[in-house]
Amino acid sequence: MKWRSVSDARLATMFVLGVLVISAPRFSVGADTPQVLLDASKAGPRAVESLTERSIIRDYQFAWMNLAQARASSSTAPLNGLFVGTANDWLTSAVNSQRHSGLSFRYSNQSHKLEAVFYAPEGDVIELHDNAEYDLQILEESKTIHTEHVVARYVVLMTPAADRWVIRQLQAVPQF
């Protein structure tokens, strides 16, 4: 495309940037926002770029917020395409099962310490180990029937999608 002037090109660039900002995933930061830290210093064979680190942290945090909303509401609507493949299958099944049982789950005080252990040379997959801690309440209707502090470990595979990183696998493991 041929621009009539430099200002036309700037306007077009500003428009495109505006569209990207408007379409970016959003969430409000609040008390129930998971705390996510990422150590990518041992990832290989490729180093994780700082922009990729920030994106993974943002999208992992957003995914766990949506997971918590889905489990609290017994609805898959909040998942927003952040879980795909086996992770989506597992989570959809869990939400459907709890809907049929009449239970709901409330996650709070989430803390996730991620360690990148593999980052593919092509940049198309990253393996993370998540040392997670959170408080879990199990509710029947609106009555709490169980409360516990959970310390869990997950092996996570994330892949880039069109505008974010998505969780392809989220597997609880006893240890790394």
N, C-alpha and C. Protein backbone atom coordinates (compact mmCIF):
# COMPACT_ATOMS: atom_id res chain seq x y z
N MET A 1 0.84 -1.17 0.00
CA MET A 1 0.00 0.00 0.00
C MET A 1 0.88 1.23 0.00
N LYS A 2 0.54 2.21 -0.79
CA LYS A 2 1.31 3.45 -0.87
C LYS A 2 0.64 4.52 -0.02
N TRP A 3 1.41 5.10 0.87
CA TRP A 3 0.89 6.14 1.74
C TRP A 3 1.07 7.50 1.10
N ARG A 4 0.08 8.37 1.29
CA ARG A 4 0.17 9.73 0.74
C ARG A 4 1.16 10.58 1.50
N SER A 5 1.29 10.31 2.78
CA SER A 5 2.22 11.08 3.60
C SER A 5 2.67 10.25 4.79
N VAL A 6 3.66 10.78 5.47
CA VAL A 6 4.16 10.12 6.67
C VAL A 6 3.07 10.10 7.73
N SER A 7 2.26 11.16 7.82
CA SER A 7 1.20 11.19 8.83
C SER A 7 0.14 10.12 8.56
N ASP A 8 -0.14 9.81 7.28
CA ASP A 8 -1.08 8.73 6.97
C ASP A 8 -0.54 7.39 7.49
N ALA A 9 0.75 7.16 7.30
CA ALA A 9 1.36 5.92 7.78
C ALA A 9 1.32 5.86 9.30
N ARG A 10 1.55 6.99 9.96
CA ARG A 10 1.49 7.01 11.43
C ARG A 10 0.08 6.73 11.92
N LEU A 11 -0.92 7.32 11.26
CA LEU A 11 -2.31 7.07 11.64
C LEU A 11 -2.66 5.59 11.49
N ALA A 12 -2.21 4.99 10.40
CA ALA A 12 -2.47 3.57 10.18
C ALA A 12 -1.81 2.73 11.26
N THR A 13 -0.58 3.06 11.62
CA THR A 13 0.13 2.34 12.67
C THR A 13 -0.58 2.50 14.01
N MET A 14 -1.03 3.72 14.32
CA MET A 14 -1.73 3.96 15.57
C MET A 14 -3.05 3.18 15.61
N PHE A 15 -3.73 3.08 14.47
CA PHE A 15 -4.97 2.31 14.41
C PHE A 15 -4.71 0.84 14.70
N VAL A 16 -3.69 0.28 14.06
CA VAL A 16 -3.36 -1.14 14.27
C VAL A 16 -3.00 -1.38 15.73
N LEU A 17 -2.19 -0.51 16.32
CA LEU A 17 -1.82 -0.67 17.73
C LEU A 17 -3.04 -0.57 18.63
N GLY A 18 -3.97 0.32 18.30
CA GLY A 18 -5.20 0.45 19.07
C GLY A 18 -6.03 -0.82 19.03
N VAL A 19 -6.13 -1.42 17.85
CA VAL A 19 -6.88 -2.67 17.71
C VAL A 19 -6.22 -3.76 18.54
N LEU A 20 -4.89 -3.84 18.52
CA LEU A 20 -4.19 -4.86 19.31
C LEU A 20 -4.43 -4.67 20.79
N VAL A 21 -4.41 -3.41 21.26
CA VAL A 21 -4.63 -3.15 22.68
C VAL A 21 -6.05 -3.52 23.07
N ILE A 22 -7.02 -3.18 22.23
CA ILE A 22 -8.42 -3.47 22.52
C ILE A 22 -8.67 -4.97 22.55
N SER A 23 -8.03 -5.72 21.64
CA SER A 23 -8.30 -7.16 21.55
C SER A 23 -7.44 -8.01 22.48
N ALA A 24 -6.50 -7.41 23.19
CA ALA A 24 -5.64 -8.18 24.10
C ALA A 24 -6.46 -8.72 25.26
N PRO A 25 -6.09 -9.90 25.79
CA PRO A 25 -6.83 -10.44 26.93
C PRO A 25 -6.72 -9.51 28.12
N ARG A 26 -7.82 -9.34 28.82
CA ARG A 26 -7.83 -8.42 29.96
C ARG A 26 -8.31 -9.14 31.21
N PHE A 27 -7.84 -8.65 32.33
CA PHE A 27 -8.36 -9.10 33.60
C PHE A 27 -8.03 -8.03 34.62
N SER A 28 -8.82 -7.99 35.64
CA SER A 28 -8.57 -7.00 36.68
C SER A 28 -7.68 -7.62 37.75
N VAL A 29 -6.79 -6.83 38.26
CA VAL A 29 -5.90 -7.30 39.31
C VAL A 29 -6.59 -7.05 40.64
N GLY A 30 -6.72 -8.08 41.43
CA GLY A 30 -7.40 -7.94 42.70
C GLY A 30 -6.89 -8.96 43.68
N ALA A 31 -7.65 -9.12 44.75
CA ALA A 31 -7.24 -10.02 45.82
C ALA A 31 -7.15 -11.46 45.36
N ASP A 32 -7.98 -11.87 44.40
CA ASP A 32 -7.97 -13.26 43.96
C ASP A 32 -7.09 -13.48 42.73
N THR A 33 -6.28 -12.51 42.38
CA THR A 33 -5.37 -12.66 41.25
C THR A 33 -4.20 -13.56 41.68
N PRO A 34 -3.99 -14.65 40.95
CA PRO A 34 -2.87 -15.54 41.31
C PRO A 34 -1.52 -14.83 41.20
N GLN A 35 -0.65 -15.13 42.13
CA GLN A 35 0.71 -14.63 42.06
C GLN A 35 1.52 -15.65 41.26
N VAL A 36 2.17 -15.18 40.19
CA VAL A 36 2.93 -16.08 39.32
C VAL A 36 4.35 -15.55 39.17
N LEU A 37 5.32 -16.39 39.47
CA LEU A 37 6.74 -16.08 39.28
C LEU A 37 7.31 -17.11 38.31
N LEU A 38 8.22 -16.68 37.46
CA LEU A 38 8.83 -17.57 36.48
C LEU A 38 10.34 -17.46 36.54
N ASP A 39 10.99 -18.60 36.71
CA ASP A 39 12.45 -18.70 36.61
C ASP A 39 12.76 -19.42 35.30
N ALA A 40 13.27 -18.68 34.33
CA ALA A 40 13.57 -19.27 33.02
C ALA A 40 15.07 -19.44 32.81
N SER A 41 15.85 -19.30 33.88
CA SER A 41 17.31 -19.32 33.74
C SER A 41 17.86 -20.69 33.33
N LYS A 42 17.12 -21.77 33.60
CA LYS A 42 17.63 -23.11 33.27
C LYS A 42 16.97 -23.72 32.04
N ALA A 43 16.15 -22.94 31.36
CA ALA A 43 15.45 -23.45 30.16
C ALA A 43 16.46 -23.71 29.05
N GLY A 44 16.17 -24.68 28.25
CA GLY A 44 17.03 -24.97 27.11
C GLY A 44 16.29 -25.84 26.14
N PRO A 45 16.77 -26.05 25.01
CA PRO A 45 18.05 -25.59 24.49
C PRO A 45 18.05 -24.12 24.06
N ARG A 46 16.91 -23.49 24.08
CA ARG A 46 16.80 -22.09 23.66
C ARG A 46 16.55 -21.22 24.89
N ALA A 47 17.14 -20.04 24.91
CA ALA A 47 16.89 -19.09 26.00
C ALA A 47 15.50 -18.47 25.82
N VAL A 48 14.84 -18.20 26.93
CA VAL A 48 13.51 -17.58 26.89
C VAL A 48 13.70 -16.05 26.89
N GLU A 49 13.14 -15.42 25.87
CA GLU A 49 13.25 -13.96 25.74
C GLU A 49 12.39 -13.28 26.81
N SER A 50 12.77 -12.07 27.20
CA SER A 50 12.05 -11.37 28.28
C SER A 50 10.59 -11.10 27.90
N LEU A 51 10.31 -10.76 26.65
CA LEU A 51 8.92 -10.54 26.23
C LEU A 51 8.12 -11.84 26.34
N THR A 52 8.72 -12.96 25.99
CA THR A 52 8.06 -14.26 26.11
C THR A 52 7.81 -14.58 27.58
N GLU A 53 8.77 -14.30 28.44
CA GLU A 53 8.58 -14.52 29.89
C GLU A 53 7.37 -13.75 30.40
N ARG A 54 7.29 -12.48 30.05
CA ARG A 54 6.17 -11.65 30.51
C ARG A 54 4.84 -12.19 29.98
N SER A 55 4.83 -12.61 28.73
CA SER A 55 3.60 -13.15 28.13
C SER A 55 3.17 -14.44 28.81
N ILE A 56 4.11 -15.31 29.09
CA ILE A 56 3.79 -16.57 29.76
C ILE A 56 3.24 -16.31 31.16
N ILE A 57 3.87 -15.43 31.89
CA ILE A 57 3.39 -15.08 33.24
C ILE A 57 1.97 -14.53 33.15
N ARG A 58 1.74 -13.58 32.28
CA ARG A 58 0.42 -12.96 32.11
C ARG A 58 -0.64 -14.02 31.75
N ASP A 59 -0.33 -14.86 30.77
CA ASP A 59 -1.32 -15.81 30.28
C ASP A 59 -1.54 -16.95 31.27
N TYR A 60 -0.50 -17.37 32.00
CA TYR A 60 -0.66 -18.41 33.01
C TYR A 60 -1.53 -17.88 34.16
N GLN A 61 -1.26 -16.67 34.56
CA GLN A 61 -2.06 -16.03 35.61
C GLN A 61 -3.52 -15.92 35.17
N PHE A 62 -3.74 -15.47 33.96
CA PHE A 62 -5.09 -15.33 33.41
C PHE A 62 -5.78 -16.69 33.32
N ALA A 63 -5.05 -17.72 32.91
CA ALA A 63 -5.62 -19.07 32.80
C ALA A 63 -6.08 -19.58 34.17
N TRP A 64 -5.26 -19.39 35.21
CA TRP A 64 -5.65 -19.87 36.54
C TRP A 64 -6.81 -19.05 37.11
N MET A 65 -6.88 -17.77 36.77
CA MET A 65 -8.04 -16.98 37.19
C MET A 65 -9.30 -17.55 36.54
N ASN A 66 -9.20 -17.86 35.25
CA ASN A 66 -10.36 -18.41 34.54
C ASN A 66 -10.70 -19.81 35.02
N LEU A 67 -9.69 -20.63 35.32
CA LEU A 67 -9.93 -21.95 35.89
C LEU A 67 -10.70 -21.81 37.20
N ALA A 68 -10.28 -20.89 38.05
CA ALA A 68 -10.95 -20.67 39.33
C ALA A 68 -12.40 -20.22 39.11
N GLN A 69 -12.62 -19.33 38.16
CA GLN A 69 -13.98 -18.87 37.86
C GLN A 69 -14.84 -20.01 37.33
N ALA A 70 -14.27 -20.83 36.45
CA ALA A 70 -15.01 -21.97 35.89
C ALA A 70 -15.41 -22.95 36.98
N ARG A 71 -14.48 -23.25 37.89
CA ARG A 71 -14.78 -24.21 38.96
C ARG A 71 -15.77 -23.62 39.97
N ALA A 72 -15.68 -22.31 40.22
CA ALA A 72 -16.59 -21.67 41.17
C ALA A 72 -18.02 -21.59 40.61
N SER A 73 -18.14 -21.39 39.31
CA SER A 73 -19.46 -21.22 38.69
C SER A 73 -20.00 -22.50 38.07
N SER A 74 -19.21 -23.56 38.06
CA SER A 74 -19.58 -24.83 37.40
C SER A 74 -19.95 -24.60 35.94
N SER A 75 -19.17 -23.74 35.29
CA SER A 75 -19.42 -23.41 33.88
C SER A 75 -18.08 -23.34 33.15
N THR A 76 -18.06 -23.84 31.91
CA THR A 76 -16.84 -23.76 31.11
C THR A 76 -16.72 -22.41 30.39
N ALA A 77 -17.72 -21.57 30.47
CA ALA A 77 -17.70 -20.28 29.77
C ALA A 77 -16.48 -19.42 30.10
N PRO A 78 -16.04 -19.36 31.37
CA PRO A 78 -14.88 -18.49 31.68
C PRO A 78 -13.55 -18.96 31.10
N LEU A 79 -13.49 -20.15 30.51
CA LEU A 79 -12.19 -20.70 30.11
C LEU A 79 -11.55 -19.95 28.95
N ASN A 80 -12.32 -19.31 28.10
CA ASN A 80 -11.78 -18.37 27.10
C ASN A 80 -10.73 -18.95 26.16
N GLY A 81 -10.72 -20.23 25.91
CA GLY A 81 -9.74 -20.80 24.98
C GLY A 81 -8.31 -20.83 25.49
N LEU A 82 -8.12 -20.60 26.79
CA LEU A 82 -6.77 -20.62 27.36
C LEU A 82 -6.27 -22.02 27.64
N PHE A 83 -7.18 -22.99 27.61
CA PHE A 83 -6.83 -24.40 27.77
C PHE A 83 -7.21 -25.10 26.49
N VAL A 84 -6.29 -25.88 25.94
CA VAL A 84 -6.54 -26.62 24.70
C VAL A 84 -6.08 -28.06 24.87
N GLY A 85 -6.45 -28.92 23.96
CA GLY A 85 -5.99 -30.31 23.99
C GLY A 85 -6.39 -31.02 25.25
N THR A 86 -5.46 -31.80 25.82
CA THR A 86 -5.78 -32.61 27.00
C THR A 86 -6.11 -31.76 28.22
N ALA A 87 -5.51 -30.58 28.33
CA ALA A 87 -5.83 -29.71 29.47
C ALA A 87 -7.28 -29.26 29.40
N ASN A 88 -7.74 -28.91 28.22
CA ASN A 88 -9.13 -28.51 28.04
C ASN A 88 -10.07 -29.69 28.29
N ASP A 89 -9.71 -30.86 27.79
CA ASP A 89 -10.55 -32.05 27.99
C ASP A 89 -10.71 -32.36 29.48
N TRP A 90 -9.60 -32.32 30.22
CA TRP A 90 -9.63 -32.60 31.65
C TRP A 90 -10.48 -31.57 32.38
N LEU A 91 -10.26 -30.29 32.09
CA LEU A 91 -10.97 -29.23 32.81
C LEU A 91 -12.46 -29.22 32.47
N THR A 92 -12.80 -29.42 31.22
CA THR A 92 -14.21 -29.49 30.82
C THR A 92 -14.90 -30.65 31.52
N SER A 93 -14.24 -31.80 31.57
CA SER A 93 -14.79 -32.97 32.26
C SER A 93 -14.97 -32.69 33.75
N ALA A 94 -13.99 -32.05 34.37
CA ALA A 94 -14.07 -31.75 35.81
C ALA A 94 -15.23 -30.80 36.10
N VAL A 95 -15.39 -29.77 35.28
CA VAL A 95 -16.47 -28.80 35.48
C VAL A 95 -17.83 -29.47 35.26
N ASN A 96 -17.96 -30.29 34.22
CA ASN A 96 -19.22 -30.99 33.96
C ASN A 96 -19.56 -31.96 35.09
N SER A 97 -18.56 -32.66 35.60
CA SER A 97 -18.76 -33.60 36.70
C SER A 97 -19.23 -32.88 37.96
N GLN A 98 -18.60 -31.76 38.28
CA GLN A 98 -19.00 -31.05 39.48
C GLN A 98 -20.39 -30.43 39.33
N ARG A 99 -20.74 -30.02 38.11
CA ARG A 99 -22.08 -29.48 37.87
C ARG A 99 -23.14 -30.54 38.19
N HIS A 100 -22.87 -31.79 37.75
CA HIS A 100 -23.80 -32.89 38.01
C HIS A 100 -23.86 -33.28 39.48
N SER A 101 -22.76 -33.09 40.19
CA SER A 101 -22.72 -33.46 41.60
C SER A 101 -23.27 -32.37 42.51
N GLY A 102 -23.42 -31.16 41.99
CA GLY A 102 -23.91 -30.05 42.81
C GLY A 102 -22.83 -29.38 43.64
N LEU A 103 -21.58 -29.75 43.41
CA LEU A 103 -20.46 -29.14 44.14
C LEU A 103 -19.84 -28.01 43.34
N SER A 104 -19.17 -27.11 44.03
CA SER A 104 -18.35 -26.11 43.37
C SER A 104 -17.07 -25.95 44.19
N PHE A 105 -16.05 -25.41 43.54
CA PHE A 105 -14.73 -25.29 44.15
C PHE A 105 -14.32 -23.83 44.11
N ARG A 106 -13.78 -23.35 45.20
CA ARG A 106 -13.31 -21.97 45.27
C ARG A 106 -11.81 -21.98 45.57
N TYR A 107 -11.04 -21.36 44.67
CA TYR A 107 -9.58 -21.23 44.83
C TYR A 107 -9.28 -19.82 45.31
N SER A 108 -8.40 -19.69 46.29
CA SER A 108 -7.98 -18.37 46.75
C SER A 108 -6.52 -18.42 47.18
N ASN A 109 -5.93 -17.26 47.32
CA ASN A 109 -4.53 -17.14 47.75
C ASN A 109 -3.59 -18.00 46.91
N GLN A 110 -3.77 -17.93 45.59
CA GLN A 110 -2.95 -18.74 44.69
C GLN A 110 -1.55 -18.16 44.54
N SER A 111 -0.58 -19.06 44.59
CA SER A 111 0.82 -18.71 44.35
C SER A 111 1.42 -19.79 43.45
N HIS A 112 2.00 -19.39 42.33
CA HIS A 112 2.57 -20.33 41.37
C HIS A 112 4.02 -19.94 41.11
N LYS A 113 4.93 -20.85 41.43
CA LYS A 113 6.35 -20.65 41.15
C LYS A 113 6.71 -21.56 40.00
N LEU A 114 6.86 -20.95 38.82
CA LEU A 114 7.15 -21.70 37.60
C LEU A 114 8.64 -21.77 37.35
N GLU A 115 9.07 -22.92 36.86
CA GLU A 115 10.44 -23.07 36.39
C GLU A 115 10.38 -23.61 34.97
N ALA A 116 10.96 -22.87 34.03
CA ALA A 116 11.02 -23.33 32.64
C ALA A 116 12.14 -24.36 32.55
N VAL A 117 11.80 -25.57 32.11
CA VAL A 117 12.80 -26.64 32.03
C VAL A 117 13.13 -27.02 30.59
N PHE A 118 12.26 -26.64 29.65
CA PHE A 118 12.52 -26.92 28.23
C PHE A 118 11.82 -25.86 27.40
N TYR A 119 12.57 -25.29 26.46
CA TYR A 119 11.99 -24.34 25.51
C TYR A 119 12.50 -24.75 24.14
N ALA A 120 11.59 -25.20 23.30
CA ALA A 120 11.95 -25.77 22.00
C ALA A 120 12.72 -24.77 21.14
N PRO A 121 13.66 -25.25 20.35
CA PRO A 121 14.45 -24.36 19.49
C PRO A 121 13.58 -23.50 18.57
N GLU A 122 12.43 -24.03 18.14
CA GLU A 122 11.54 -23.28 17.26
C GLU A 122 10.66 -22.30 18.04
N GLY A 123 10.66 -22.37 19.36
CA GLY A 123 9.83 -21.50 20.18
C GLY A 123 8.36 -21.88 20.18
N ASP A 124 8.05 -23.14 19.81
CA ASP A 124 6.66 -23.55 19.67
C ASP A 124 6.12 -24.34 20.86
N VAL A 125 6.93 -24.58 21.87
CA VAL A 125 6.45 -25.25 23.08
C VAL A 125 7.43 -24.95 24.22
N ILE A 126 6.85 -24.77 25.40
CA ILE A 126 7.68 -24.60 26.60
C ILE A 126 7.12 -25.53 27.68
N GLU A 127 8.02 -26.22 28.37
CA GLU A 127 7.63 -27.07 29.49
C GLU A 127 7.98 -26.33 30.78
N LEU A 128 7.00 -26.27 31.66
CA LEU A 128 7.15 -25.59 32.94
C LEU A 128 6.86 -26.56 34.07
N HIS A 129 7.54 -26.36 35.18
CA HIS A 129 7.20 -27.06 36.42
C HIS A 129 6.61 -26.00 37.34
N ASP A 130 5.42 -26.26 37.85
CA ASP A 130 4.71 -25.31 38.70
C ASP A 130 4.64 -25.87 40.11
N ASN A 131 5.24 -25.15 41.04
CA ASN A 131 5.05 -25.41 42.47
C ASN A 131 3.95 -24.47 42.93
N ALA A 132 2.75 -25.00 43.07
CA ALA A 132 1.58 -24.18 43.35
C ALA A 132 1.13 -24.35 44.79
N GLU A 133 0.61 -23.27 45.34
CA GLU A 133 -0.03 -23.29 46.65
C GLU A 133 -1.30 -22.47 46.54
N TYR A 134 -2.36 -22.99 47.13
CA TYR A 134 -3.62 -22.25 47.14
C TYR A 134 -4.52 -22.81 48.23
N ASP A 135 -5.50 -22.00 48.60
CA ASP A 135 -6.52 -22.44 49.52
C ASP A 135 -7.70 -22.92 48.68
N LEU A 136 -8.25 -24.06 49.04
CA LEU A 136 -9.34 -24.66 48.30
C LEU A 136 -10.53 -24.88 49.23
N GLN A 137 -11.68 -24.40 48.78
CA GLN A 137 -12.93 -24.66 49.48
C GLN A 137 -13.82 -25.47 48.56
N ILE A 138 -14.44 -26.49 49.10
CA ILE A 138 -15.43 -27.25 48.35
C ILE A 138 -16.79 -26.90 48.95
N LEU A 139 -17.71 -26.51 48.07
CA LEU A 139 -19.02 -26.06 48.52
C LEU A 139 -20.11 -26.93 47.92
N GLU A 140 -21.12 -27.17 48.72
CA GLU A 140 -22.33 -27.82 48.23
C GLU A 140 -23.42 -26.76 48.34
N GLU A 141 -23.93 -26.37 47.19
CA GLU A 141 -24.77 -25.19 47.07
C GLU A 141 -23.93 -24.03 47.58
N SER A 142 -24.30 -23.34 48.63
CA SER A 142 -23.45 -22.24 49.10
C SER A 142 -22.82 -22.55 50.45
N LYS A 143 -22.90 -23.81 50.88
CA LYS A 143 -22.35 -24.21 52.17
C LYS A 143 -20.99 -24.87 51.99
N THR A 144 -19.99 -24.37 52.71
CA THR A 144 -18.65 -24.95 52.68
C THR A 144 -18.66 -26.29 53.40
N ILE A 145 -18.21 -27.32 52.69
CA ILE A 145 -18.16 -28.65 53.30
C ILE A 145 -16.73 -29.13 53.53
N HIS A 146 -15.76 -28.44 52.91
CA HIS A 146 -14.35 -28.82 53.10
C HIS A 146 -13.47 -27.62 52.76
N THR A 147 -12.43 -27.43 53.55
CA THR A 147 -11.44 -26.38 53.31
C THR A 147 -10.06 -26.97 53.56
N GLU A 148 -9.12 -26.65 52.65
CA GLU A 148 -7.74 -27.10 52.86
C GLU A 148 -6.76 -26.18 52.14
N HIS A 149 -5.54 -26.18 52.65
CA HIS A 149 -4.44 -25.51 51.97
C HIS A 149 -3.74 -26.56 51.12
N VAL A 150 -3.64 -26.29 49.83
CA VAL A 150 -3.09 -27.27 48.89
C VAL A 150 -1.69 -26.85 48.45
N VAL A 151 -0.77 -27.79 48.47
CA VAL A 151 0.54 -27.63 47.87
C VAL A 151 0.60 -28.69 46.79
N ALA A 152 0.73 -28.24 45.54
CA ALA A 152 0.67 -29.17 44.41
C ALA A 152 1.78 -28.87 43.42
N ARG A 153 2.12 -29.87 42.65
CA ARG A 153 3.12 -29.72 41.59
C ARG A 153 2.46 -30.11 40.28
N TYR A 154 2.71 -29.30 39.25
CA TYR A 154 2.14 -29.56 37.94
C TYR A 154 3.23 -29.49 36.89
N VAL A 155 3.15 -30.40 35.93
CA VAL A 155 3.95 -30.28 34.71
C VAL A 155 3.03 -29.63 33.69
N VAL A 156 3.51 -28.55 33.09
CA VAL A 156 2.69 -27.74 32.21
C VAL A 156 3.37 -27.63 30.85
N LEU A 157 2.60 -27.86 29.80
CA LEU A 157 3.07 -27.57 28.45
C LEU A 157 2.24 -26.43 27.92
N MET A 158 2.93 -25.38 27.48
CA MET A 158 2.26 -24.23 26.88
C MET A 158 2.77 -24.04 25.46
N THR A 159 1.86 -23.61 24.59
CA THR A 159 2.22 -23.33 23.20
C THR A 159 1.68 -21.97 22.82
N PRO A 160 2.35 -21.30 21.90
CA PRO A 160 1.82 -20.00 21.47
C PRO A 160 0.61 -20.18 20.55
N ALA A 161 -0.37 -19.32 20.73
CA ALA A 161 -1.54 -19.27 19.84
C ALA A 161 -1.47 -17.91 19.12
N ALA A 162 -2.53 -17.53 18.49
CA ALA A 162 -2.53 -16.30 17.69
C ALA A 162 -2.16 -15.07 18.52
N ASP A 163 -2.71 -14.95 19.72
CA ASP A 163 -2.48 -13.73 20.50
C ASP A 163 -2.08 -13.99 21.95
N ARG A 164 -1.77 -15.23 22.29
CA ARG A 164 -1.42 -15.56 23.67
C ARG A 164 -0.81 -16.96 23.74
N TRP A 165 -0.28 -17.29 24.90
CA TRP A 165 0.18 -18.65 25.17
C TRP A 165 -0.99 -19.41 25.78
N VAL A 166 -1.17 -20.66 25.38
CA VAL A 166 -2.25 -21.48 25.91
C VAL A 166 -1.67 -22.70 26.62
N ILE A 167 -2.44 -23.22 27.57
CA ILE A 167 -2.03 -24.41 28.30
C ILE A 167 -2.55 -25.62 27.55
N ARG A 168 -1.63 -26.45 27.10
CA ARG A 168 -1.96 -27.65 26.34
C ARG A 168 -2.03 -28.88 27.26
N GLN A 169 -1.20 -28.88 28.29
CA GLN A 169 -1.21 -29.97 29.27
C GLN A 169 -1.00 -29.38 30.65
N LEU A 170 -1.77 -29.88 31.61
CA LEU A 170 -1.64 -29.48 33.02
C LEU A 170 -1.80 -30.76 33.81
N GLN A 171 -0.67 -31.34 34.21
CA GLN A 171 -0.68 -32.66 34.85
C GLN A 171 -0.12 -32.56 36.26
N ALA A 172 -0.95 -32.94 37.24
CA ALA A 172 -0.47 -32.98 38.63
C ALA A 172 0.50 -34.14 38.77
N VAL A 173 1.61 -33.91 39.47
CA VAL A 173 2.62 -34.94 39.71
C VAL A 173 3.03 -34.90 41.17
N PRO A 174 3.48 -36.03 41.73
CA PRO A 174 3.87 -36.04 43.14
C PRO A 174 5.19 -35.29 43.38
N GLN A 175 6.08 -35.33 42.39
CA GLN A 175 7.38 -34.63 42.52
C GLN A 175 7.97 -34.46 41.12
N PHE A 176 8.98 -33.60 41.06
CA PHE A 176 9.68 -33.37 39.79
C PHE A 176 10.94 -34.21 39.74
